[in-house]
């Protein structure tokens, strides 16, 4: 996750505008929903707000760190890593 965030921070604005920031926000939202489902099962998930393309790296780091606190198995960790790698690939960074 840190590598993905670092790559986003180093990416030119044009790359962020072409979809890298949107991909990062989508990942952050997905990870945040996962955390909410574990911490507050049965409640309506809240959506992480769009704080702008330059905040996308920070948003994925916050969501990933929150998720790391609630994961219970190696299988869940592997699923989280897969989500991050897939998003990084789609973001092109």
PDB file of N, CA and C in Angstrom:
ATOM      1  N   UNK A   1       0.817  -1.177   0.000  1.00  0.00           N
ATOM      2  CA  UNK A   1       0.000   0.000   0.000  1.00  0.00           C
ATOM      3  C   UNK A   1       0.871   1.255   0.000  1.00  0.00           C
ATOM      4  N   UNK A   2       1.914   1.238   0.794  1.00  0.00           N
ATOM      5  CA  UNK A   2       2.792   2.408   0.844  1.00  0.00           C
ATOM      6  C   UNK A   2       3.399   2.697  -0.523  1.00  0.00           C
ATOM      7  N   UNK A   3       3.785   1.640  -1.243  1.00  0.00           N
ATOM      8  CA  UNK A   3       4.364   1.816  -2.580  1.00  0.00           C
ATOM      9  C   UNK A   3       3.345   2.458  -3.523  1.00  0.00           C
ATOM     10  N   UNK A   4       2.109   1.986  -3.478  1.00  0.00           N
ATOM     11  CA  UNK A   4       1.041   2.536  -4.316  1.00  0.00           C
ATOM     12  C   UNK A   4       0.841   4.016  -3.974  1.00  0.00           C
ATOM     13  N   UNK A   5       0.771   4.330  -2.695  1.00  0.00           N
ATOM     14  CA  UNK A   5       0.578   5.722  -2.274  1.00  0.00           C
ATOM     15  C   UNK A   5       1.746   6.596  -2.728  1.00  0.00           C
ATOM     16  N   UNK A   6       2.962   6.096  -2.577  1.00  0.00           N
ATOM     17  CA  UNK A   6       4.131   6.857  -3.018  1.00  0.00           C
ATOM     18  C   UNK A   6       4.088   7.115  -4.519  1.00  0.00           C
ATOM     19  N   UNK A   7       3.680   6.106  -5.274  1.00  0.00           N
ATOM     20  CA  UNK A   7       3.590   6.270  -6.731  1.00  0.00           C
ATOM     21  C   UNK A   7       2.524   7.306  -7.097  1.00  0.00           C
ATOM     22  N   UNK A   8       1.414   7.307  -6.366  1.00  0.00           N
ATOM     23  CA  UNK A   8       0.376   8.311  -6.618  1.00  0.00           C
ATOM     24  C   UNK A   8       0.894   9.712  -6.325  1.00  0.00           C
ATOM     25  N   UNK A   9       1.605   9.852  -5.224  1.00  0.00           N
ATOM     26  CA  UNK A   9       2.141  11.169  -4.859  1.00  0.00           C
ATOM     27  C   UNK A   9       3.135  11.680  -5.902  1.00  0.00           C
ATOM     28  N   UNK A  10       3.864  10.776  -6.520  1.00  0.00           N
ATOM     29  CA  UNK A  10       4.871  11.158  -7.510  1.00  0.00           C
ATOM     30  C   UNK A  10       4.287  11.306  -8.919  1.00  0.00           C
ATOM     31  N   UNK A  11       3.070  10.858  -9.104  1.00  0.00           N
ATOM     32  CA  UNK A  11       2.465  10.887 -10.439  1.00  0.00           C
ATOM     33  C   UNK A  11       2.150  12.324 -10.860  1.00  0.00           C
ATOM     34  N   UNK A  12       2.303  12.600 -12.150  1.00  0.00           N
ATOM     35  CA  UNK A  12       1.934  13.934 -12.627  1.00  0.00           C
ATOM     36  C   UNK A  12       0.416  14.136 -12.554  1.00  0.00           C
ATOM     37  N   UNK A  13       0.029  15.372 -12.460  1.00  0.00           N
ATOM     38  CA  UNK A  13      -1.389  15.705 -12.366  1.00  0.00           C
ATOM     39  C   UNK A  13      -2.178  15.103 -13.522  1.00  0.00           C
ATOM     40  N   UNK A  14      -1.601  15.074 -14.700  1.00  0.00           N
ATOM     41  CA  UNK A  14      -2.314  14.526 -15.862  1.00  0.00           C
ATOM     42  C   UNK A  14      -2.655  13.052 -15.660  1.00  0.00           C
ATOM     43  N   UNK A  15      -1.761  12.286 -15.047  1.00  0.00           N
ATOM     44  CA  UNK A  15      -2.039  10.875 -14.799  1.00  0.00           C
ATOM     45  C   UNK A  15      -3.137  10.728 -13.752  1.00  0.00           C
ATOM     46  N   UNK A  16      -3.083  11.562 -12.724  1.00  0.00           N
ATOM     47  CA  UNK A  16      -4.132  11.525 -11.702  1.00  0.00           C
ATOM     48  C   UNK A  16      -5.484  11.834 -12.334  1.00  0.00           C
ATOM     49  N   UNK A  17      -5.516  12.813 -13.214  1.00  0.00           N
ATOM     50  CA  UNK A  17      -6.764  13.195 -13.873  1.00  0.00           C
ATOM     51  C   UNK A  17      -7.270  12.122 -14.829  1.00  0.00           C
ATOM     52  N   UNK A  18      -6.361  11.341 -15.402  1.00  0.00           N
ATOM     53  CA  UNK A  18      -6.764  10.291 -16.349  1.00  0.00           C
ATOM     54  C   UNK A  18      -7.294   9.051 -15.651  1.00  0.00           C
ATOM     55  N   UNK A  19      -7.385   9.060 -14.358  1.00  0.00           N
ATOM     56  CA  UNK A  19      -8.029   7.942 -13.690  1.00  0.00           C
ATOM     57  C   UNK A  19      -7.302   7.360 -12.509  1.00  0.00           C
ATOM     58  N   UNK A  20      -6.036   7.681 -12.318  1.00  0.00           N
ATOM     59  CA  UNK A  20      -5.303   7.088 -11.194  1.00  0.00           C
ATOM     60  C   UNK A  20      -5.901   7.511  -9.860  1.00  0.00           C
ATOM     61  N   UNK A  21      -6.275   8.777  -9.744  1.00  0.00           N
ATOM     62  CA  UNK A  21      -6.855   9.254  -8.486  1.00  0.00           C
ATOM     63  C   UNK A  21      -8.227   8.629  -8.251  1.00  0.00           C
ATOM     64  N   UNK A  22      -9.012   8.497  -9.295  1.00  0.00           N
ATOM     65  CA  UNK A  22     -10.336   7.880  -9.161  1.00  0.00           C
ATOM     66  C   UNK A  22     -10.211   6.414  -8.752  1.00  0.00           C
ATOM     67  N   UNK A  23      -9.233   5.732  -9.307  1.00  0.00           N
ATOM     68  CA  UNK A  23      -9.002   4.330  -8.943  1.00  0.00           C
ATOM     69  C   UNK A  23      -8.591   4.223  -7.477  1.00  0.00           C
ATOM     70  N   UNK A  24      -7.731   5.130  -7.037  1.00  0.00           N
ATOM     71  CA  UNK A  24      -7.298   5.129  -5.639  1.00  0.00           C
ATOM     72  C   UNK A  24      -8.470   5.406  -4.705  1.00  0.00           C
ATOM     73  N   UNK A  25      -9.316   6.351  -5.062  1.00  0.00           N
ATOM     74  CA  UNK A  25     -10.487   6.642  -4.236  1.00  0.00           C
ATOM     75  C   UNK A  25     -11.430   5.445  -4.183  1.00  0.00           C
ATOM     76  N   UNK A  26     -11.626   4.786  -5.315  1.00  0.00           N
ATOM     77  CA  UNK A  26     -12.490   3.597  -5.333  1.00  0.00           C
ATOM     78  C   UNK A  26     -11.930   2.515  -4.406  1.00  0.00           C
ATOM     79  N   UNK A  27     -10.607   2.332  -4.420  1.00  0.00           N
ATOM     80  CA  UNK A  27      -9.977   1.361  -3.531  1.00  0.00           C
ATOM     81  C   UNK A  27     -10.161   1.773  -2.077  1.00  0.00           C
ATOM     82  N   UNK A  28      -9.914   3.040  -1.778  1.00  0.00           N
ATOM     83  CA  UNK A  28     -10.071   3.520  -0.401  1.00  0.00           C
ATOM     84  C   UNK A  28     -11.501   3.298   0.086  1.00  0.00           C
ATOM     85  N   UNK A  29     -12.452   3.558  -0.765  1.00  0.00           N
ATOM     86  CA  UNK A  29     -13.856   3.349  -0.387  1.00  0.00           C
ATOM     87  C   UNK A  29     -14.158   1.876  -0.157  1.00  0.00           C
ATOM     88  N   UNK A  30     -13.619   1.020  -1.005  1.00  0.00           N
ATOM     89  CA  UNK A  30     -13.844  -0.417  -0.840  1.00  0.00           C
ATOM     90  C   UNK A  30     -13.227  -0.921   0.466  1.00  0.00           C
ATOM     91  N   UNK A  31     -12.010  -0.494   0.767  1.00  0.00           N
ATOM     92  CA  UNK A  31     -11.368  -0.908   2.011  1.00  0.00           C
ATOM     93  C   UNK A  31     -12.121  -0.366   3.224  1.00  0.00           C
ATOM     94  N   UNK A  32     -12.592   0.872   3.140  1.00  0.00           N
ATOM     95  CA  UNK A  32     -13.345   1.467   4.246  1.00  0.00           C
ATOM     96  C   UNK A  32     -14.658   0.720   4.477  1.00  0.00           C
ATOM     97  N   UNK A  33     -15.330   0.316   3.395  1.00  0.00           N
ATOM     98  CA  UNK A  33     -16.563  -0.474   3.542  1.00  0.00           C
ATOM     99  C   UNK A  33     -16.270  -1.804   4.234  1.00  0.00           C
ATOM    100  N   UNK A  34     -15.148  -2.414   3.894  1.00  0.00           N
ATOM    101  CA  UNK A  34     -14.751  -3.674   4.504  1.00  0.00           C
ATOM    102  C   UNK A  34     -14.565  -3.487   6.007  1.00  0.00           C
ATOM    103  N   UNK A  35     -13.869  -2.424   6.393  1.00  0.00           N
ATOM    104  CA  UNK A  35     -13.654  -2.132   7.821  1.00  0.00           C
ATOM    105  C   UNK A  35     -14.995  -1.928   8.516  1.00  0.00           C
ATOM    106  N   UNK A  36     -15.862  -1.161   7.904  1.00  0.00           N
ATOM    107  CA  UNK A  36     -17.166  -0.901   8.507  1.00  0.00           C
ATOM    108  C   UNK A  36     -17.975  -2.179   8.673  1.00  0.00           C
ATOM    109  N   UNK A  37     -17.890  -3.070   7.696  1.00  0.00           N
ATOM    110  CA  UNK A  37     -18.631  -4.335   7.782  1.00  0.00           C
ATOM    111  C   UNK A  37     -18.142  -5.184   8.947  1.00  0.00           C
ATOM    112  N   UNK A  38     -16.848  -5.116   9.236  1.00  0.00           N
ATOM    113  CA  UNK A  38     -16.286  -5.882  10.358  1.00  0.00           C
ATOM    114  C   UNK A  38     -16.619  -5.210  11.677  1.00  0.00           C
ATOM    115  N   UNK A  39     -16.443  -3.900  11.743  1.00  0.00           N
ATOM    116  CA  UNK A  39     -16.632  -3.180  12.998  1.00  0.00           C
ATOM    117  C   UNK A  39     -18.095  -2.926  13.346  1.00  0.00           C
ATOM    118  N   UNK A  40     -18.935  -2.771  12.325  1.00  0.00           N
ATOM    119  CA  UNK A  40     -20.336  -2.432  12.535  1.00  0.00           C
ATOM    120  C   UNK A  40     -21.226  -3.294  11.642  1.00  0.00           C
ATOM    121  N   UNK A  41     -21.214  -4.615  11.859  1.00  0.00           N
ATOM    122  CA  UNK A  41     -22.000  -5.486  10.973  1.00  0.00           C
ATOM    123  C   UNK A  41     -23.487  -5.126  11.005  1.00  0.00           C
ATOM    124  N   UNK A  42     -24.085  -5.193   9.828  1.00  0.00           N
ATOM    125  CA  UNK A  42     -25.513  -4.944   9.722  1.00  0.00           C
ATOM    126  C   UNK A  42     -25.888  -3.479   9.594  1.00  0.00           C
ATOM    127  N   UNK A  43     -24.928  -2.578   9.652  1.00  0.00           N
ATOM    128  CA  UNK A  43     -25.248  -1.155   9.501  1.00  0.00           C
ATOM    129  C   UNK A  43     -25.024  -0.723   8.064  1.00  0.00           C
ATOM    130  N   UNK A  44     -25.685   0.349   7.695  1.00  0.00           N
ATOM    131  CA  UNK A  44     -25.532   0.908   6.354  1.00  0.00           C
ATOM    132  C   UNK A  44     -24.136   1.515   6.230  1.00  0.00           C
ATOM    133  N   UNK A  45     -23.359   1.093   5.227  1.00  0.00           N
ATOM    134  CA  UNK A  45     -21.996   1.646   5.102  1.00  0.00           C
ATOM    135  C   UNK A  45     -22.029   3.129   4.744  1.00  0.00           C
ATOM    136  N   UNK A  46     -21.085   3.846   5.310  1.00  0.00           N
ATOM    137  CA  UNK A  46     -20.892   5.255   4.970  1.00  0.00           C
ATOM    138  C   UNK A  46     -19.840   5.325   3.864  1.00  0.00           C
ATOM    139  N   UNK A  47     -19.977   6.283   2.970  1.00  0.00           N
ATOM    140  CA  UNK A  47     -19.020   6.390   1.874  1.00  0.00           C
ATOM    141  C   UNK A  47     -17.940   7.410   2.210  1.00  0.00           C
ATOM    142  N   UNK A  48     -16.707   7.000   1.982  1.00  0.00           N
ATOM    143  CA  UNK A  48     -15.587   7.918   2.161  1.00  0.00           C
ATOM    144  C   UNK A  48     -15.745   9.056   1.158  1.00  0.00           C
ATOM    145  N   UNK A  49     -15.634  10.289   1.626  1.00  0.00           N
ATOM    146  CA  UNK A  49     -15.821  11.417   0.695  1.00  0.00           C
ATOM    147  C   UNK A  49     -14.652  11.559  -0.273  1.00  0.00           C
ATOM    148  N   UNK A  50     -14.923  12.214  -1.367  1.00  0.00           N
ATOM    149  CA  UNK A  50     -13.885  12.523  -2.340  1.00  0.00           C
ATOM    150  C   UNK A  50     -13.197  13.793  -1.866  1.00  0.00           C
ATOM    151  N   UNK A  51     -11.961  13.672  -1.406  1.00  0.00           N
ATOM    152  CA  UNK A  51     -11.213  14.821  -0.891  1.00  0.00           C
ATOM    153  C   UNK A  51     -10.329  15.446  -1.970  1.00  0.00           C
ATOM    154  N   UNK A  52     -10.482  15.004  -3.199  1.00  0.00           N
ATOM    155  CA  UNK A  52      -9.708  15.566  -4.300  1.00  0.00           C
ATOM    156  C   UNK A  52      -8.565  14.653  -4.705  1.00  0.00           C
ATOM    157  N   UNK A  53      -8.122  14.839  -5.939  1.00  0.00           N
ATOM    158  CA  UNK A  53      -7.131  13.921  -6.499  1.00  0.00           C
ATOM    159  C   UNK A  53      -5.804  13.938  -5.752  1.00  0.00           C
ATOM    160  N   UNK A  54      -5.453  15.053  -5.132  1.00  0.00           N
ATOM    161  CA  UNK A  54      -4.169  15.112  -4.442  1.00  0.00           C
ATOM    162  C   UNK A  54      -4.219  14.470  -3.054  1.00  0.00           C
ATOM    163  N   UNK A  55      -5.410  14.129  -2.587  1.00  0.00           N
ATOM    164  CA  UNK A  55      -5.563  13.463  -1.295  1.00  0.00           C
ATOM    165  C   UNK A  55      -5.755  11.953  -1.437  1.00  0.00           C
ATOM    166  N   UNK A  56      -5.835  11.465  -2.661  1.00  0.00           N
ATOM    167  CA  UNK A  56      -6.140  10.047  -2.891  1.00  0.00           C
ATOM    168  C   UNK A  56      -5.127   9.118  -2.228  1.00  0.00           C
ATOM    169  N   UNK A  57      -3.860   9.463  -2.282  1.00  0.00           N
ATOM    170  CA  UNK A  57      -2.827   8.611  -1.669  1.00  0.00           C
ATOM    171  C   UNK A  57      -3.050   8.507  -0.171  1.00  0.00           C
ATOM    172  N   UNK A  58      -3.353   9.628   0.460  1.00  0.00           N
ATOM    173  CA  UNK A  58      -3.592   9.613   1.905  1.00  0.00           C
ATOM    174  C   UNK A  58      -4.853   8.823   2.242  1.00  0.00           C
ATOM    175  N   UNK A  59      -5.861   8.926   1.405  1.00  0.00           N
ATOM    176  CA  UNK A  59      -7.104   8.208   1.667  1.00  0.00           C
ATOM    177  C   UNK A  59      -6.908   6.695   1.610  1.00  0.00           C
ATOM    178  N   UNK A  60      -6.121   6.215   0.654  1.00  0.00           N
ATOM    179  CA  UNK A  60      -5.916   4.769   0.620  1.00  0.00           C
ATOM    180  C   UNK A  60      -5.066   4.312   1.803  1.00  0.00           C
ATOM    181  N   UNK A  61      -4.121   5.133   2.226  1.00  0.00           N
ATOM    182  CA  UNK A  61      -3.303   4.751   3.383  1.00  0.00           C
ATOM    183  C   UNK A  61      -4.142   4.675   4.653  1.00  0.00           C
ATOM    184  N   UNK A  62      -5.004   5.648   4.865  1.00  0.00           N
ATOM    185  CA  UNK A  62      -5.868   5.635   6.053  1.00  0.00           C
ATOM    186  C   UNK A  62      -6.765   4.406   6.036  1.00  0.00           C
ATOM    187  N   UNK A  63      -7.398   4.140   4.910  1.00  0.00           N
ATOM    188  CA  UNK A  63      -8.298   2.988   4.823  1.00  0.00           C
ATOM    189  C   UNK A  63      -7.536   1.680   4.993  1.00  0.00           C
ATOM    190  N   UNK A  64      -6.360   1.577   4.409  1.00  0.00           N
ATOM    191  CA  UNK A  64      -5.571   0.348   4.524  1.00  0.00           C
ATOM    192  C   UNK A  64      -5.086   0.119   5.952  1.00  0.00           C
ATOM    193  N   UNK A  65      -4.669   1.164   6.608  1.00  0.00           N
ATOM    194  CA  UNK A  65      -4.213   1.020   7.993  1.00  0.00           C
ATOM    195  C   UNK A  65      -5.374   0.634   8.907  1.00  0.00           C
ATOM    196  N   UNK A  66      -6.547   1.212   8.674  1.00  0.00           N
ATOM    197  CA  UNK A  66      -7.732   0.810   9.439  1.00  0.00           C
ATOM    198  C   UNK A  66      -8.054  -0.657   9.188  1.00  0.00           C
ATOM    199  N   UNK A  67      -7.958  -1.075   7.938  1.00  0.00           N
ATOM    200  CA  UNK A  67      -8.255  -2.465   7.597  1.00  0.00           C
ATOM    201  C   UNK A  67      -7.259  -3.412   8.262  1.00  0.00           C
ATOM    202  N   UNK A  68      -6.001  -3.037   8.274  1.00  0.00           N
ATOM    203  CA  UNK A  68      -4.980  -3.899   8.888  1.00  0.00           C
ATOM    204  C   UNK A  68      -5.295  -4.186  10.350  1.00  0.00           C
ATOM    205  N   UNK A  69      -5.979  -3.273  11.009  1.00  0.00           N
ATOM    206  CA  UNK A  69      -6.320  -3.463  12.427  1.00  0.00           C
ATOM    207  C   UNK A  69      -7.452  -4.461  12.637  1.00  0.00           C
ATOM    208  N   UNK A  70      -8.265  -4.702  11.612  1.00  0.00           N
ATOM    209  CA  UNK A  70      -9.423  -5.581  11.804  1.00  0.00           C
ATOM    210  C   UNK A  70      -9.313  -6.923  11.085  1.00  0.00           C
ATOM    211  N   UNK A  71      -8.303  -7.096  10.251  1.00  0.00           N
ATOM    212  CA  UNK A  71      -8.158  -8.378   9.552  1.00  0.00           C
ATOM    213  C   UNK A  71      -7.853  -9.487  10.546  1.00  0.00           C
ATOM    214  N   UNK A  72      -8.441 -10.655  10.316  1.00  0.00           N
ATOM    215  CA  UNK A  72      -8.336 -11.748  11.274  1.00  0.00           C
ATOM    216  C   UNK A  72      -7.591 -12.971  10.755  1.00  0.00           C
ATOM    217  N   UNK A  73      -7.331 -13.029   9.451  1.00  0.00           N
ATOM    218  CA  UNK A  73      -6.704 -14.233   8.919  1.00  0.00           C
ATOM    219  C   UNK A  73      -5.741 -13.883   7.788  1.00  0.00           C
ATOM    220  N   UNK A  74      -4.872 -14.834   7.506  1.00  0.00           N
ATOM    221  CA  UNK A  74      -3.950 -14.649   6.382  1.00  0.00           C
ATOM    222  C   UNK A  74      -4.704 -14.592   5.057  1.00  0.00           C
ATOM    223  N   UNK A  75      -5.814 -15.297   4.988  1.00  0.00           N
ATOM    224  CA  UNK A  75      -6.633 -15.265   3.778  1.00  0.00           C
ATOM    225  C   UNK A  75      -7.182 -13.855   3.548  1.00  0.00           C
ATOM    226  N   UNK A  76      -7.625 -13.192   4.598  1.00  0.00           N
ATOM    227  CA  UNK A  76      -8.117 -11.823   4.470  1.00  0.00           C
ATOM    228  C   UNK A  76      -6.988 -10.875   4.051  1.00  0.00           C
ATOM    229  N   UNK A  77      -5.810 -11.083   4.601  1.00  0.00           N
ATOM    230  CA  UNK A  77      -4.662 -10.263   4.215  1.00  0.00           C
ATOM    231  C   UNK A  77      -4.364 -10.473   2.733  1.00  0.00           C
ATOM    232  N   UNK A  78      -4.391 -11.703   2.281  1.00  0.00           N
ATOM    233  CA  UNK A  78      -4.137 -11.997   0.865  1.00  0.00           C
ATOM    234  C   UNK A  78      -5.196 -11.341  -0.022  1.00  0.00           C
ATOM    235  N   UNK A  79      -6.457 -11.364   0.414  1.00  0.00           N
ATOM    236  CA  UNK A  79      -7.520 -10.709  -0.345  1.00  0.00           C
ATOM    237  C   UNK A  79      -7.279  -9.200  -0.430  1.00  0.00           C
ATOM    238  N   UNK A  80      -6.855  -8.601   0.666  1.00  0.00           N
ATOM    239  CA  UNK A  80      -6.583  -7.165   0.687  1.00  0.00           C
ATOM    240  C   UNK A  80      -5.415  -6.827  -0.237  1.00  0.00           C
ATOM    241  N   UNK A  81      -4.377  -7.614  -0.192  1.00  0.00           N
ATOM    242  CA  UNK A  81      -3.217  -7.388  -1.062  1.00  0.00           C
ATOM    243  C   UNK A  81      -3.634  -7.499  -2.524  1.00  0.00           C
ATOM    244  N   UNK A  82      -4.457  -8.474  -2.832  1.00  0.00           N
ATOM    245  CA  UNK A  82      -4.941  -8.644  -4.211  1.00  0.00           C
ATOM    246  C   UNK A  82      -5.721  -7.410  -4.659  1.00  0.00           C
ATOM    247  N   UNK A  83      -6.598  -6.892  -3.807  1.00  0.00           N
ATOM    248  CA  UNK A  83      -7.361  -5.692  -4.157  1.00  0.00           C
ATOM    249  C   UNK A  83      -6.443  -4.513  -4.453  1.00  0.00           C
ATOM    250  N   UNK A  84      -5.436  -4.346  -3.632  1.00  0.00           N
ATOM    251  CA  UNK A  84      -4.496  -3.236  -3.809  1.00  0.00           C
ATOM    252  C   UNK A  84      -3.722  -3.397  -5.109  1.00  0.00           C
ATOM    253  N   UNK A  85      -3.226  -4.586  -5.365  1.00  0.00           N
ATOM    254  CA  UNK A  85      -2.445  -4.822  -6.587  1.00  0.00           C
ATOM    255  C   UNK A  85      -3.309  -4.619  -7.832  1.00  0.00           C
ATOM    256  N   UNK A  86      -4.542  -5.068  -7.797  1.00  0.00           N
ATOM    257  CA  UNK A  86      -5.417  -4.885  -8.940  1.00  0.00           C
ATOM    258  C   UNK A  86      -5.686  -3.405  -9.178  1.00  0.00           C
ATOM    259  N   UNK A  87      -5.944  -2.666  -8.110  1.00  0.00           N
ATOM    260  CA  UNK A  87      -6.209  -1.225  -8.236  1.00  0.00           C
ATOM    261  C   UNK A  87      -4.964  -0.494  -8.743  1.00  0.00           C
ATOM    262  N   UNK A  88      -3.806  -0.857  -8.229  1.00  0.00           N
ATOM    263  CA  UNK A  88      -2.552  -0.227  -8.680  1.00  0.00           C
ATOM    264  C   UNK A  88      -2.360  -0.460 -10.185  1.00  0.00           C
ATOM    265  N   UNK A  89      -2.642  -1.675 -10.622  1.00  0.00           N
ATOM    266  CA  UNK A  89      -2.514  -1.974 -12.050  1.00  0.00           C
ATOM    267  C   UNK A  89      -3.481  -1.160 -12.891  1.00  0.00           C
ATOM    268  N   UNK A  90      -4.722  -1.048 -12.434  1.00  0.00           N
ATOM    269  CA  UNK A  90      -5.703  -0.255 -13.186  1.00  0.00           C
ATOM    270  C   UNK A  90      -5.338   1.228 -13.174  1.00  0.00           C
ATOM    271  N   UNK A  91      -4.722   1.691 -12.085  1.00  0.00           N
ATOM    272  CA  UNK A  91      -4.338   3.102 -11.972  1.00  0.00           C
ATOM    273  C   UNK A  91      -3.142   3.432 -12.867  1.00  0.00           C
ATOM    274  N   UNK A  92      -2.350   2.422 -13.180  1.00  0.00           N
ATOM    275  CA  UNK A  92      -1.203   2.629 -14.051  1.00  0.00           C
ATOM    276  C   UNK A  92      -0.056   3.374 -13.415  1.00  0.00           C
ATOM    277  N   UNK A  93       0.082   3.195 -12.117  1.00  0.00           N
ATOM    278  CA  UNK A  93       1.215   3.846 -11.427  1.00  0.00           C
ATOM    279  C   UNK A  93       2.092   2.824 -10.755  1.00  0.00           C
TER     280      UNK A  93
END
